[in-house]
Amino acid sequence: MEFHCSRLKLIRFVNLITYQTDRKISAEQFIDLLRRSTLAERRPVADKVKIEKMLAYGNILVTAWHNELLVGISRALSDFSFCCYLSDLAVDEAYQHQGIGKELIRLTHQVAGEKATTLILLAAPKAAGYYPKIGMDRNTDCFVIKRKN
């Protein structure tokens, strides 16, 4: 279903989105999506080598596509037996509020083994209110050692 409403400037692409768990993407595609999603402000988009390593060493990558345009991504690290850390969840701003992020999370947990693993993520400040709305529990007992400069 494609829905256009000029007054609200809302476009729905629900039935036109395809999800893939086995499609590799380039660093350029990832950087482009990060910029279109606002996640770029918290990711090293100016450092292509670091982005390439992020893609190479994450072991779960779920992507959302509108035709050949990458519109969403979930990049995670998992041991497939106990935990899955969802490191990056990004959806193009033009495609948000259509369930794409929720479906990316569901598929990521499915790939990791939803009966065996707990899915964990650290929410970006702008996204913290989103996760409880889709059924995730807030955990206040998270601790972080920040990277050293």
Protein backbone atom coordinates (compact mmCIF):
# COMPACT_ATOMS: atom_id res chain seq x y z
CA MET A 1 0.00 0.00 0.00
CA GLU A 2 1.34 3.39 -0.94
CA PHE A 3 -0.40 6.33 0.71
CA HIS A 4 0.10 9.97 -0.15
CA CYS A 5 -1.36 12.89 1.79
CA SER A 6 -0.02 16.27 0.72
CA ARG A 7 -1.43 18.13 3.74
CA LEU A 8 0.51 15.98 6.21
CA LYS A 9 3.32 15.17 3.80
CA LEU A 10 3.02 11.52 4.82
CA ILE A 11 4.06 8.74 2.51
CA ARG A 12 3.52 5.13 3.55
CA PHE A 13 5.56 2.42 1.88
CA VAL A 14 4.54 -0.50 4.13
CA ASN A 15 3.96 -3.12 1.44
CA LEU A 16 6.89 -1.92 -0.65
CA ILE A 17 9.57 -2.60 1.99
CA THR A 18 11.58 -5.81 1.80
CA TYR A 19 13.81 -7.12 4.58
CA GLN A 20 16.98 -9.12 4.10
CA THR A 21 19.25 -10.91 6.55
CA ASP A 22 21.90 -12.01 4.07
CA ARG A 23 22.60 -8.95 1.94
CA LYS A 24 25.96 -7.22 2.34
CA ILE A 25 26.12 -3.46 2.06
CA SER A 26 28.95 -1.07 1.33
CA ALA A 27 30.39 1.47 3.74
CA GLU A 28 29.01 4.18 1.45
CA GLN A 29 25.48 2.78 1.68
CA PHE A 30 25.74 2.55 5.47
CA ILE A 31 27.07 6.11 5.80
CA ASP A 32 24.36 7.44 3.50
CA LEU A 33 21.63 5.78 5.57
CA LEU A 34 23.17 6.97 8.84
CA ARG A 35 22.99 10.53 7.49
CA ARG A 36 19.38 10.10 6.37
CA SER A 37 18.40 8.72 9.79
CA THR A 38 20.04 11.23 12.19
CA LEU A 39 22.23 8.46 13.64
CA ALA A 40 25.22 10.02 11.85
CA GLU A 41 25.68 12.50 14.69
CA ARG A 42 26.66 9.57 16.93
CA ARG A 43 28.59 7.41 14.46
CA PRO A 44 32.03 7.89 12.83
CA VAL A 45 30.71 8.68 9.35
CA ALA A 46 33.85 10.65 8.45
CA ASP A 47 36.02 7.58 9.07
CA LYS A 48 35.32 5.11 6.25
CA VAL A 49 37.84 2.57 7.58
CA LYS A 50 36.07 2.46 10.95
CA ILE A 51 32.69 2.08 9.22
CA GLU A 52 34.10 -0.78 7.13
CA LYS A 53 35.31 -2.51 10.31
CA MET A 54 31.91 -2.00 11.94
CA LEU A 55 30.30 -3.80 9.01
CA ALA A 56 32.97 -6.52 8.83
CA TYR A 57 32.92 -7.50 12.50
CA GLY A 58 29.22 -7.26 13.34
CA ASN A 59 27.76 -10.73 12.93
CA ILE A 60 24.09 -9.84 12.34
CA LEU A 61 22.99 -7.40 9.67
CA VAL A 62 19.30 -6.96 8.84
CA THR A 63 18.41 -4.47 6.14
CA ALA A 64 15.20 -2.84 4.90
CA TRP A 65 14.88 -1.84 1.26
CA HIS A 66 12.48 0.22 -0.83
CA ASN A 67 13.31 -1.15 -4.25
CA GLU A 68 17.12 -0.71 -4.34
CA LEU A 69 17.26 2.06 -1.73
CA LEU A 70 18.53 1.07 1.71
CA VAL A 71 15.98 2.60 4.11
CA GLY A 72 16.74 0.77 7.35
CA ILE A 73 19.41 -1.26 9.10
CA SER A 74 19.96 -3.22 12.26
CA ARG A 75 23.57 -4.13 13.00
CA ALA A 76 24.20 -6.41 15.97
CA LEU A 77 26.73 -8.63 17.73
CA SER A 78 25.60 -11.95 19.17
CA ASP A 79 26.91 -15.19 20.60
CA PHE A 80 23.64 -16.84 19.45
CA SER A 81 23.24 -18.58 22.80
CA PHE A 82 22.80 -15.95 25.52
CA CYS A 83 22.84 -12.32 24.35
CA CYS A 84 22.54 -10.08 21.34
CA TYR A 85 23.74 -6.47 21.45
CA LEU A 86 21.95 -4.31 18.90
CA SER A 87 24.56 -1.68 18.15
CA ASP A 88 22.93 0.29 15.33
CA LEU A 89 19.28 0.75 14.46
CA ALA A 90 18.72 3.34 11.75
CA VAL A 91 15.71 4.14 9.60
CA ASP A 92 15.66 6.86 6.96
CA GLU A 93 13.65 9.78 8.39
CA ALA A 94 11.36 9.73 5.34
CA TYR A 95 10.39 6.13 6.20
CA GLN A 96 9.99 6.41 9.98
CA HIS A 97 6.71 5.79 11.85
CA GLN A 98 5.80 2.85 9.62
CA GLY A 99 6.99 -0.08 11.72
CA ILE A 100 10.31 -0.57 9.93
CA GLY A 101 12.43 -0.18 13.08
CA LYS A 102 10.20 -2.57 15.01
CA GLU A 103 10.44 -5.16 12.24
CA LEU A 104 14.23 -4.76 12.04
CA ILE A 105 14.46 -5.41 15.79
CA ARG A 106 12.15 -8.44 15.55
CA LEU A 107 14.16 -9.94 12.71
CA THR A 108 17.47 -9.24 14.47
CA HIS A 109 16.28 -11.08 17.56
CA GLN A 110 14.95 -13.91 15.40
CA VAL A 111 18.32 -14.30 13.65
CA ALA A 112 20.12 -14.24 17.04
CA GLY A 113 17.80 -16.92 18.41
CA GLU A 114 14.90 -15.25 20.18
CA LYS A 115 14.32 -18.21 22.52
CA ALA A 116 17.98 -18.34 23.53
CA THR A 117 19.10 -14.72 23.58
CA THR A 118 18.26 -11.49 25.34
CA LEU A 119 18.40 -8.51 22.99
CA ILE A 120 20.13 -5.49 24.53
CA LEU A 121 20.62 -1.98 23.19
CA LEU A 122 21.66 1.45 24.40
CA ALA A 123 19.13 4.00 23.22
CA ALA A 124 20.18 7.26 21.69
CA PRO A 125 18.67 10.11 23.73
CA LYS A 126 16.27 11.07 20.90
CA ALA A 127 15.06 7.47 20.61
CA ALA A 128 14.71 6.53 24.29
CA GLY A 129 10.94 7.03 24.26
CA TYR A 130 10.48 4.80 21.20
CA TYR A 131 11.56 1.45 22.64
CA PRO A 132 8.96 1.11 25.43
CA LYS A 133 6.26 1.87 22.82
CA ILE A 134 7.24 -1.25 20.87
CA GLY A 135 7.29 -3.51 23.92
CA MET A 136 10.88 -3.31 25.12
CA ASP A 137 11.61 -3.12 28.85
CA ARG A 138 13.71 -0.28 30.22
CA ASN A 139 16.69 -1.41 32.29
CA THR A 140 18.38 1.15 34.50
CA ASP A 141 21.28 -1.10 35.48
CA CYS A 142 23.53 -0.48 32.49
CA PHE A 143 27.15 0.53 32.93
CA VAL A 144 29.53 1.86 30.33
CA ILE A 145 33.30 2.30 30.01
CA LYS A 146 33.70 4.92 27.29
CA ARG A 147 36.34 4.58 24.58
CA LYS A 148 39.65 6.21 25.34
CA ASN A 149 40.87 9.03 23.10
